[in-house]
Protein backbone atom coordinates (compact mmCIF):
# COMPACT_ATOMS: atom_id res chain seq x y z
CA UNK A 1 118.99 -28.14 29.15
CA UNK A 2 115.43 -26.85 28.87
CA UNK A 3 114.83 -26.62 25.13
CA UNK A 4 112.59 -29.71 24.95
CA UNK A 5 110.48 -28.55 27.89
CA UNK A 6 109.73 -25.30 26.11
CA UNK A 7 109.00 -27.10 22.85
CA UNK A 8 106.45 -29.25 24.68
CA UNK A 9 104.92 -26.02 26.00
CA UNK A 10 104.35 -24.69 22.49
CA UNK A 11 107.44 -22.53 22.02
CA UNK A 12 109.12 -22.31 18.63
CA UNK A 13 112.92 -22.71 18.49
CA UNK A 14 113.55 -19.09 17.48
CA UNK A 15 111.34 -17.93 20.38
CA UNK A 16 113.36 -20.06 22.82
CA UNK A 17 116.61 -18.55 21.52
CA UNK A 18 115.24 -15.03 21.84
CA UNK A 19 114.08 -15.65 25.42
CA UNK A 20 117.13 -17.64 26.51
CA UNK A 21 118.80 -14.83 28.53
CA UNK A 22 115.58 -14.25 30.49
CA UNK A 23 114.97 -17.97 30.94
CA UNK A 24 118.52 -18.54 32.24
CA UNK A 25 118.19 -15.71 34.72
CA UNK A 26 114.70 -16.72 35.89
CA UNK A 27 115.55 -20.41 36.27
CA UNK A 28 118.67 -19.54 38.27
CA UNK A 29 116.54 -17.50 40.70
CA UNK A 30 113.96 -20.30 40.94
CA UNK A 31 116.61 -22.97 41.47
CA UNK A 32 115.59 -25.01 38.42
CA UNK A 33 118.40 -27.27 37.22
CA UNK A 34 119.10 -29.94 34.63
CA UNK A 35 117.49 -32.81 36.56
CA UNK A 36 114.31 -30.77 36.93
CA UNK A 37 113.96 -30.62 33.14
CA UNK A 38 113.76 -34.39 32.77
CA UNK A 39 111.06 -34.54 35.43
CA UNK A 40 109.13 -31.73 33.74
CA UNK A 41 109.24 -33.48 30.36
CA UNK A 42 107.84 -36.63 31.92
CA UNK A 43 105.08 -34.80 33.79
CA UNK A 44 104.04 -32.81 30.73
CA UNK A 45 103.81 -35.95 28.60
CA UNK A 46 101.97 -37.99 31.25
CA UNK A 47 99.50 -35.38 32.49
CA UNK A 48 98.57 -33.40 29.37
CA UNK A 49 97.37 -34.15 25.87
CA UNK A 50 100.16 -32.40 23.99
CA UNK A 51 98.53 -33.35 20.70
CA UNK A 52 96.03 -30.57 21.43
CA UNK A 53 97.44 -27.25 20.24
CA UNK A 54 95.16 -25.39 22.64
CA UNK A 55 96.76 -27.18 25.58
CA UNK A 56 100.26 -26.28 24.42
CA UNK A 57 99.25 -22.63 24.05
CA UNK A 58 97.91 -22.58 27.62
CA UNK A 59 101.15 -24.17 28.87
CA UNK A 60 103.01 -21.46 26.96
CA UNK A 61 101.11 -18.78 28.90
CA UNK A 62 102.03 -20.32 32.26
CA UNK A 63 105.70 -20.67 31.33
CA UNK A 64 105.72 -16.99 30.32
CA UNK A 65 104.31 -16.11 33.74
CA UNK A 66 106.87 -18.30 35.53
CA UNK A 67 109.71 -16.48 33.76
CA UNK A 68 108.24 -13.02 34.39
CA UNK A 69 107.64 -13.43 38.15
CA UNK A 70 111.27 -13.68 39.40
CA UNK A 71 112.35 -10.96 36.94
CA UNK A 72 109.54 -8.48 37.65
CA UNK A 73 111.66 -6.16 39.80
CA UNK A 74 114.16 -5.72 36.94
CA UNK A 75 111.58 -5.36 34.17
CA UNK A 76 108.87 -3.16 35.72
CA UNK A 77 108.76 0.14 37.56
CA UNK A 78 106.26 -0.98 40.21
CA UNK A 79 105.57 -4.49 41.53
CA UNK A 80 102.23 -5.44 43.11
CA UNK A 81 101.32 -8.89 44.42
CA UNK A 82 97.84 -10.27 44.93
CA UNK A 83 96.30 -13.72 45.14
CA UNK A 84 93.10 -15.71 45.35
CA UNK A 85 90.43 -14.91 46.43
CA UNK A 86 90.78 -11.35 45.14
CA UNK A 87 88.29 -10.84 42.28
CA UNK A 88 90.00 -11.12 38.91
CA UNK A 89 88.55 -7.92 37.37
CA UNK A 90 90.10 -5.76 40.11
CA UNK A 91 93.68 -7.00 39.75
CA UNK A 92 93.41 -7.08 35.96
CA UNK A 93 92.13 -3.50 35.95
CA UNK A 94 95.11 -2.44 38.10
CA UNK A 95 97.41 -4.16 35.61
CA UNK A 96 95.80 -2.13 32.82
CA UNK A 97 96.65 1.19 34.52
CA UNK A 98 100.13 1.17 32.93
CA UNK A 99 102.62 -1.10 31.18
CA UNK A 100 105.10 -0.04 33.90
CA UNK A 101 103.14 -1.99 36.54
CA UNK A 102 103.65 -5.68 37.25
CA UNK A 103 100.67 -7.26 38.99
CA UNK A 104 101.27 -10.90 39.86
CA UNK A 105 99.47 -13.72 41.64
CA UNK A 106 102.31 -15.51 43.42
CA UNK A 107 100.31 -18.61 44.29
CA UNK A 108 98.84 -19.30 40.87
CA UNK A 109 102.12 -18.74 39.01
CA UNK A 110 104.27 -20.82 41.37
CA UNK A 111 101.62 -23.53 41.78
CA UNK A 112 101.17 -24.01 38.04
CA UNK A 113 104.81 -23.52 37.11
CA UNK A 114 106.83 -24.94 40.00
CA UNK A 115 104.03 -27.35 40.96
CA UNK A 116 102.19 -28.80 37.98
CA UNK A 117 105.05 -28.52 35.49
CA UNK A 118 108.26 -28.97 37.50
CA UNK A 119 107.03 -30.63 40.73
CA UNK A 120 109.45 -28.51 42.76
CA UNK A 121 107.12 -26.55 45.03
CA UNK A 122 108.10 -28.32 48.27
CA UNK A 123 111.19 -26.15 49.00
CA UNK A 124 109.00 -23.06 48.71
CA UNK A 125 106.36 -24.53 51.04
CA UNK A 126 109.07 -25.44 53.53
CA UNK A 127 110.45 -21.89 53.40
CA UNK A 128 106.95 -20.59 54.17
CA UNK A 129 106.68 -22.96 57.13
CA UNK A 130 110.06 -21.93 58.48
CA UNK A 131 109.18 -18.24 58.18
CA UNK A 132 106.03 -18.44 60.27
CA UNK A 133 103.25 -20.71 58.97
CA UNK A 134 104.44 -23.72 60.95
CA UNK A 135 104.18 -27.32 59.85
CA UNK A 136 101.36 -29.46 61.25
CA UNK A 137 99.09 -26.53 62.11
CA UNK A 138 96.74 -26.65 59.11
CA UNK A 139 98.04 -23.44 57.61
CA UNK A 140 97.00 -22.78 54.02
CA UNK A 141 99.64 -24.07 51.60
CA UNK A 142 98.74 -21.32 49.12
CA UNK A 143 99.93 -18.75 51.64
CA UNK A 144 102.93 -20.81 52.66
CA UNK A 145 103.86 -20.48 48.98
CA UNK A 146 103.19 -16.75 49.16
CA UNK A 147 105.55 -16.32 52.12
CA UNK A 148 108.09 -18.92 50.99
CA UNK A 149 108.48 -17.42 47.53
CA UNK A 150 109.63 -14.11 49.03
CA UNK A 151 111.59 -15.29 52.07
CA UNK A 152 113.53 -17.83 49.98
CA UNK A 153 114.60 -15.05 47.61
CA UNK A 154 113.08 -16.75 44.58
CA UNK A 155 110.84 -13.78 43.84
CA UNK A 156 111.38 -10.08 44.60
CA UNK A 157 109.93 -8.04 47.44
CA UNK A 158 107.02 -6.00 46.02
CA UNK A 159 106.12 -2.32 46.33
CA UNK A 160 102.58 -3.18 47.42
CA UNK A 161 100.61 -6.21 48.55
CA UNK A 162 96.83 -6.35 48.15
CA UNK A 163 95.64 -8.88 50.70
CA UNK A 164 92.26 -10.66 50.54
CA UNK A 165 90.96 -10.72 54.10
CA UNK A 166 87.31 -11.46 53.42
CA UNK A 167 87.03 -15.21 52.74
CA UNK A 168 89.71 -16.58 55.05
CA UNK A 169 92.00 -15.31 57.81
CA UNK A 170 95.20 -16.81 56.37
CA UNK A 171 95.99 -14.22 53.67
CA UNK A 172 95.96 -11.30 56.10
CA UNK A 173 98.10 -13.16 58.65
CA UNK A 174 100.62 -14.16 56.00
CA UNK A 175 100.82 -10.72 54.39
CA UNK A 176 101.06 -9.00 57.76
CA UNK A 177 104.07 -11.18 58.54
CA UNK A 178 105.69 -10.23 55.23
CA UNK A 179 104.85 -6.57 55.79
CA UNK A 180 106.60 -6.68 59.18
CA UNK A 181 109.65 -8.54 57.83
CA UNK A 182 110.22 -6.43 54.73
CA UNK A 183 108.39 -3.16 55.45
CA UNK A 184 106.02 -3.71 52.50
CA UNK A 185 103.04 -1.36 52.10
CA UNK A 186 99.96 -3.57 52.40
CA UNK A 187 96.25 -2.92 51.93
CA UNK A 188 93.66 -5.40 53.19
CA UNK A 189 90.38 -6.11 51.47
CA UNK A 190 87.96 -6.99 54.27
CA UNK A 191 84.49 -8.50 53.94
CA UNK A 192 81.22 -9.27 55.68
CA UNK A 193 80.32 -12.89 55.00
CA UNK A 194 77.51 -12.81 57.53
CA UNK A 195 74.36 -13.45 55.50
CA UNK A 196 71.66 -15.59 57.06
CA UNK A 197 71.77 -19.32 56.42
CA UNK A 198 69.92 -20.14 53.22
CA UNK A 199 69.89 -16.57 51.88
CA UNK A 200 71.96 -17.37 48.75
CA UNK A 201 71.30 -16.88 45.84
CA UNK A 202 70.01 -13.57 47.19
CA UNK A 203 72.93 -11.34 48.16
CA UNK A 204 72.44 -8.51 50.62
CA UNK A 205 73.09 -4.96 49.44
CA UNK A 206 75.02 -4.42 52.68
CA UNK A 207 77.47 -7.20 51.77
CA UNK A 208 77.89 -5.99 48.18
CA UNK A 209 78.28 -2.35 49.15
CA UNK A 210 80.77 -2.95 51.94
CA UNK A 211 82.97 -5.19 49.84
CA UNK A 212 82.69 -2.78 46.90
CA UNK A 213 83.98 -0.03 49.20
CA UNK A 214 86.85 -2.29 50.24
CA UNK A 215 87.72 -2.87 46.60
CA UNK A 216 87.78 0.87 45.94
CA UNK A 217 90.08 1.26 48.95
CA UNK A 218 92.52 -1.21 47.41
CA UNK A 219 92.38 0.56 44.04
CA UNK A 220 93.06 3.92 45.72
CA UNK A 221 96.14 2.46 47.42
CA UNK A 222 97.37 1.04 44.11
CA UNK A 223 96.95 4.48 42.52
CA UNK A 224 98.90 6.07 45.38
CA UNK A 225 101.80 3.61 45.14
CA UNK A 226 102.04 3.54 41.33
CA UNK A 227 101.30 7.20 40.60
CA UNK A 228 98.74 6.22 37.97
CA UNK A 229 94.97 6.70 37.97
CA UNK A 230 92.58 3.91 37.13
CA UNK A 231 90.51 5.04 34.16
CA UNK A 232 87.07 3.83 33.23
CA UNK A 233 88.72 2.13 30.26
CA UNK A 234 90.98 0.15 32.62
CA UNK A 235 87.99 -0.87 34.76
CA UNK A 236 86.00 -2.12 31.80
CA UNK A 237 89.11 -3.78 30.38
CA UNK A 238 89.59 -5.67 33.64
CA UNK A 239 86.02 -6.95 33.42
CA UNK A 240 86.49 -7.92 29.81
CA UNK A 241 89.77 -9.73 30.52
CA UNK A 242 88.10 -11.90 33.15
CA UNK A 243 84.77 -12.65 31.54
CA UNK A 244 86.09 -13.21 28.02
CA UNK A 245 88.36 -15.94 29.36
CA UNK A 246 85.62 -17.40 31.52
CA UNK A 247 82.95 -17.43 28.82
CA UNK A 248 85.25 -19.36 26.47
CA UNK A 249 86.16 -21.71 29.30
CA UNK A 250 82.47 -22.22 30.11
CA UNK A 251 81.83 -23.11 26.46
CA UNK A 252 84.24 -26.04 26.80
CA UNK A 253 82.77 -26.99 30.19
CA UNK A 254 79.26 -27.24 28.75
CA UNK A 255 80.46 -29.13 25.69
CA UNK A 256 82.17 -31.68 27.93
CA UNK A 257 79.23 -31.95 30.32
CA UNK A 258 76.87 -32.82 27.43
CA UNK A 259 79.24 -35.09 25.49
CA UNK A 260 79.44 -38.86 25.78
CA UNK A 261 82.21 -39.94 25.79
CA UNK A 262 84.10 -37.14 27.54
CA UNK A 263 86.28 -35.67 24.77
CA UNK A 264 89.30 -34.27 26.68
CA UNK A 265 90.78 -34.57 30.15
CA UNK A 266 90.04 -32.24 33.02
CA UNK A 267 93.79 -32.19 33.58
CA UNK A 268 93.98 -30.10 30.41
CA UNK A 269 91.14 -27.81 31.54
CA UNK A 270 93.02 -27.27 34.81
CA UNK A 271 95.42 -25.02 32.91
CA UNK A 272 92.59 -22.66 32.00
CA UNK A 273 90.72 -22.59 35.32
CA UNK A 274 93.52 -20.92 37.30
CA UNK A 275 93.85 -18.09 34.76
CA UNK A 276 90.73 -16.27 35.99
CA UNK A 277 92.52 -15.03 39.13
CA UNK A 278 95.86 -14.27 37.46
CA UNK A 279 96.76 -10.98 35.72
CA UNK A 280 98.26 -12.55 32.60
CA UNK A 281 100.84 -10.79 30.46
CA UNK A 282 99.77 -12.63 27.29
CA UNK A 283 95.99 -12.48 27.44
CA UNK A 284 95.70 -12.79 23.65
CA UNK A 285 97.61 -16.09 23.68
CA UNK A 286 95.39 -17.36 26.51
CA UNK A 287 92.26 -16.46 24.54
CA UNK A 288 93.74 -18.04 21.41
CA UNK A 289 94.53 -21.19 23.39
CA UNK A 290 90.95 -21.46 24.64
CA UNK A 291 89.51 -20.76 21.19
CA UNK A 292 91.76 -23.44 19.70
CA UNK A 293 90.75 -25.88 22.43
CA UNK A 294 87.06 -25.21 21.74
CA UNK A 295 87.59 -26.23 18.12
CA UNK A 296 89.61 -29.30 19.05
CA UNK A 297 87.01 -30.39 21.64
CA UNK A 298 84.20 -29.97 19.11
CA UNK A 299 86.11 -32.04 16.54
CA UNK A 300 86.57 -34.91 19.01
CA UNK A 301 82.89 -34.85 19.95
CA UNK A 302 81.90 -35.05 16.28
CA UNK A 303 84.21 -38.04 15.81
CA UNK A 304 82.94 -39.76 18.96
CA UNK A 305 86.43 -39.77 20.50
CA UNK A 306 86.94 -39.66 24.24
CA UNK A 307 89.30 -40.11 27.15
CA UNK A 308 86.85 -42.41 29.01
CA UNK A 309 84.56 -45.16 27.65
CA UNK A 310 81.18 -44.16 26.27
CA UNK A 311 78.49 -44.56 28.92
CA UNK A 312 80.98 -44.18 31.81
CA UNK A 313 79.50 -43.09 35.16
CA UNK A 314 79.39 -39.29 35.31
CA UNK A 315 80.34 -37.53 38.52
CA UNK A 316 80.59 -34.14 40.12
CA UNK A 317 84.20 -33.61 41.28
CA UNK A 318 84.45 -31.13 44.13
CA UNK A 319 87.89 -29.53 43.79
CA UNK A 320 90.47 -28.24 41.32
CA UNK A 321 94.06 -29.18 42.16
CA UNK A 322 96.45 -26.28 41.57
CA UNK A 323 99.73 -28.21 41.71
CA UNK A 324 98.91 -31.74 40.53
CA UNK A 325 96.88 -32.67 37.45
CA UNK A 326 97.55 -36.39 37.96
CA UNK A 327 94.46 -36.66 40.19
CA UNK A 328 92.19 -36.08 37.19
CA UNK A 329 94.15 -38.51 35.03
CA UNK A 330 93.80 -41.14 37.74
CA UNK A 331 90.03 -40.64 38.12
CA UNK A 332 89.45 -40.72 34.37
CA UNK A 333 91.81 -43.68 33.98
CA UNK A 334 89.55 -45.65 36.33
CA UNK A 335 86.61 -45.09 33.99
CA UNK A 336 84.86 -42.17 35.70
CA UNK A 337 83.84 -39.06 33.78
CA UNK A 338 83.90 -35.81 35.79
CA UNK A 339 80.87 -34.21 34.16
CA UNK A 340 81.33 -30.96 36.05
CA UNK A 341 84.14 -29.91 38.40
CA UNK A 342 84.27 -27.52 41.38
CA UNK A 343 82.97 -24.09 40.25
CA UNK A 344 83.68 -24.55 36.54
CA UNK A 345 80.17 -24.22 35.20
CA UNK A 346 78.49 -20.82 34.93
CA UNK A 347 75.03 -21.30 36.41
CA UNK A 348 71.94 -19.52 35.00
CA UNK A 349 72.08 -17.13 37.98
CA UNK A 350 75.55 -15.97 36.93
CA UNK A 351 74.37 -15.28 33.39
CA UNK A 352 71.74 -12.75 34.47
CA UNK A 353 72.83 -9.06 34.53
CA UNK A 354 73.85 -7.79 38.00
CA UNK A 355 71.56 -5.33 39.73
CA UNK A 356 74.45 -3.14 40.93
CA UNK A 357 75.53 -0.08 38.94
CA UNK A 358 78.80 1.01 40.60
CA UNK A 359 81.73 -0.87 39.02
CA UNK A 360 83.13 -2.31 42.26
CA UNK A 361 79.68 -3.40 43.46
CA UNK A 362 78.97 -5.03 40.11
CA UNK A 363 82.22 -7.01 40.32
CA UNK A 364 81.52 -8.21 43.85
CA UNK A 365 77.88 -9.08 43.12
CA UNK A 366 78.98 -11.24 40.19
CA UNK A 367 81.70 -12.86 42.30
CA UNK A 368 79.40 -13.62 45.24
CA UNK A 369 76.93 -15.33 42.94
CA UNK A 370 79.41 -18.20 43.01
CA UNK A 371 77.90 -19.89 46.04
CA UNK A 372 81.23 -21.34 47.19
CA UNK A 373 82.64 -17.89 47.95
CA UNK A 374 79.38 -16.52 49.38
CA UNK A 375 78.82 -18.75 52.41
CA UNK A 376 78.71 -22.36 53.59
CA UNK A 377 75.02 -22.62 52.78
CA UNK A 378 75.69 -20.97 49.42
CA UNK A 379 78.30 -23.62 48.66
CA UNK A 380 75.79 -26.40 49.39
CA UNK A 381 73.06 -24.80 47.28
CA UNK A 382 75.57 -24.20 44.49
CA UNK A 383 76.32 -27.93 44.23
CA UNK A 384 72.57 -28.62 44.35
CA UNK A 385 72.19 -26.36 41.30
CA UNK A 386 74.76 -28.50 39.46
CA UNK A 387 72.94 -31.73 40.23
CA UNK A 388 69.55 -30.38 39.20
CA UNK A 389 71.01 -29.38 35.84
CA UNK A 390 73.38 -32.24 35.04
CA UNK A 391 71.98 -35.20 37.01
CA UNK A 392 75.36 -36.78 37.78
CA UNK A 393 75.54 -40.45 38.81
CA UNK A 394 77.59 -39.65 41.90
CA UNK A 395 80.08 -37.27 43.44
CA UNK A 396 83.66 -37.17 44.65
CA UNK A 397 83.94 -34.42 47.23
CA UNK A 398 87.26 -33.24 48.61
CA UNK A 399 87.94 -32.24 52.19
CA UNK A 400 91.01 -29.97 51.88
CA UNK A 401 93.13 -30.23 55.00
CA UNK A 402 94.10 -26.60 55.37
CA UNK A 403 91.35 -24.55 53.72
CA UNK A 404 89.36 -23.14 56.62
CA UNK A 405 86.30 -21.89 54.67
CA UNK A 406 86.04 -24.73 52.16
CA UNK A 407 86.18 -27.53 54.74
CA UNK A 408 83.04 -26.19 56.42
CA UNK A 409 80.34 -27.19 53.90
CA UNK A 410 81.81 -30.47 52.60
CA UNK A 411 80.22 -32.90 55.07
CA UNK A 412 76.89 -31.09 54.82
CA UNK A 413 77.11 -31.24 51.02
CA UNK A 414 77.65 -35.00 51.21
CA UNK A 415 74.57 -35.36 53.43
CA UNK A 416 72.48 -33.21 51.07
CA UNK A 417 73.47 -35.22 47.96
CA UNK A 418 72.64 -38.56 49.59
CA UNK A 419 69.31 -37.38 50.98
CA UNK A 420 68.02 -35.28 48.08
CA UNK A 421 69.54 -37.01 45.05
CA UNK A 422 70.21 -40.53 46.38
CA UNK A 423 73.65 -40.73 44.75
CA UNK A 424 76.83 -42.37 46.06
CA UNK A 425 79.36 -39.89 47.43
CA UNK A 426 83.06 -40.45 48.05
CA UNK A 427 84.89 -38.06 50.36
CA UNK A 428 88.63 -37.69 49.73
CA UNK A 429 91.00 -35.94 52.12
CA UNK A 430 93.30 -33.86 49.94
CA UNK A 431 94.76 -30.38 49.46
CA UNK A 432 94.57 -28.23 46.35
CA UNK A 433 97.96 -26.66 47.04
CA UNK A 434 100.13 -29.32 48.72
CA UNK A 435 100.64 -32.98 47.77
CA UNK A 436 103.12 -33.93 50.51
CA UNK A 437 100.45 -35.78 52.50
CA UNK A 438 98.75 -37.58 49.63
CA UNK A 439 99.17 -38.54 45.98
CA UNK A 440 97.08 -39.83 43.12
CA UNK A 441 98.54 -43.28 43.78
CA UNK A 442 97.47 -43.24 47.43
CA UNK A 443 93.92 -42.18 46.55
CA UNK A 444 93.61 -44.67 43.69
CA UNK A 445 92.34 -47.65 45.72
CA UNK A 446 89.44 -45.71 47.20
CA UNK A 447 88.47 -44.20 43.84
CA UNK A 448 88.75 -47.61 42.15
CA UNK A 449 86.27 -49.13 44.61
CA UNK A 450 83.93 -46.16 44.20
CA UNK A 451 84.10 -46.44 40.40
CA UNK A 452 83.10 -50.08 40.56
CA UNK A 453 80.18 -49.22 42.85
CA UNK A 454 78.94 -46.58 40.38
CA UNK A 455 79.22 -48.98 37.43
CA UNK A 456 77.19 -51.61 39.29
CA UNK A 457 74.56 -49.06 40.34
CA UNK A 458 74.28 -47.68 36.80
CA UNK A 459 73.97 -51.18 35.32
CA UNK A 460 71.22 -52.03 37.80
């Protein structure tokens, strides 16, 4: 029933046959049935450019992760769960401690697999609501997925949870609930996001040091639970895993930001963005997918091919949608070119060597240089950096219903862009992790009007 879905995701027929026992078992646990396959085929064909081999390789990686997650208890000695916003190098370094350890990001895997591909995330969200993160109370849908995946029985109970408690209160609340329900050992990574307003891009040594200590605490707990020691080789490998992916991704981002017309869709790039926080089992395939996509993007630029008309208004788009790529297809279909999106682009600040020397401090310093995760004022200044570099014609900012930290700077960012850059700004109410309250179709009318305004302004 699923052969064509896997073919669309870059699998060869002999590979599908080899994996069939695992696929059958995983899909049974996830509740994926025949009717879900037809929907997945349609979504894959509508939302992604399957003529790009790089895109199909990235889809392959996510399907591998979706199969591995429900089977991890059977296939690995120790199971550890983590999720955004834990820094990628830490979880990837833990994964490198031993092949016996499964380290998984529940949210990213279920959002990309059950959300973007199969559009069957709602039952998991509802399970999370029923278990404790009640409906209508602006709880984070990412952590409803975290809870719902376990309480619904779709994914196994882990041996350890590493909970990010430094950017938002929701992860710790959700993981504490799971820890109480299932007696799961849990370690919390706390933080001190208390810098003075306007301090970013300077980052206090106190903030870096404290959060570096918290990271080391989490690593020590992982060593205790798994029985393995994190070597220097694993630490450096975790850094390499993250930054190698991101540097290749940034190459495509810069190529697209400079090109006119825009050569590929940001729906396709969405598949790569969410990999930086996910301990992938097939890192080589992910790197190969990005390298292939770089070549394919370059070829389109040289031919003058694009997914939007040449000279289209170029915008900053303020969010990446983890479960629905149709938003980008809709925006581009209306003749707007998202020149840069969310925190895709690596700013000059992020390319300078960190001052810190201890591994954990170095990781956190690099992470906090992304203004969005540093502070509200850092998020505003971060967007300002984008506009100074790329000089977009306008911006679509997103006010995510249930993201406590990211809702804070959005209105102030809108005010800053209008006052300092005199560009039109559209504010959309949306959610990166839950589409039950909105859809690309519902947002289309507002974006269509905004696109027409930008075309008139640019022509004038």
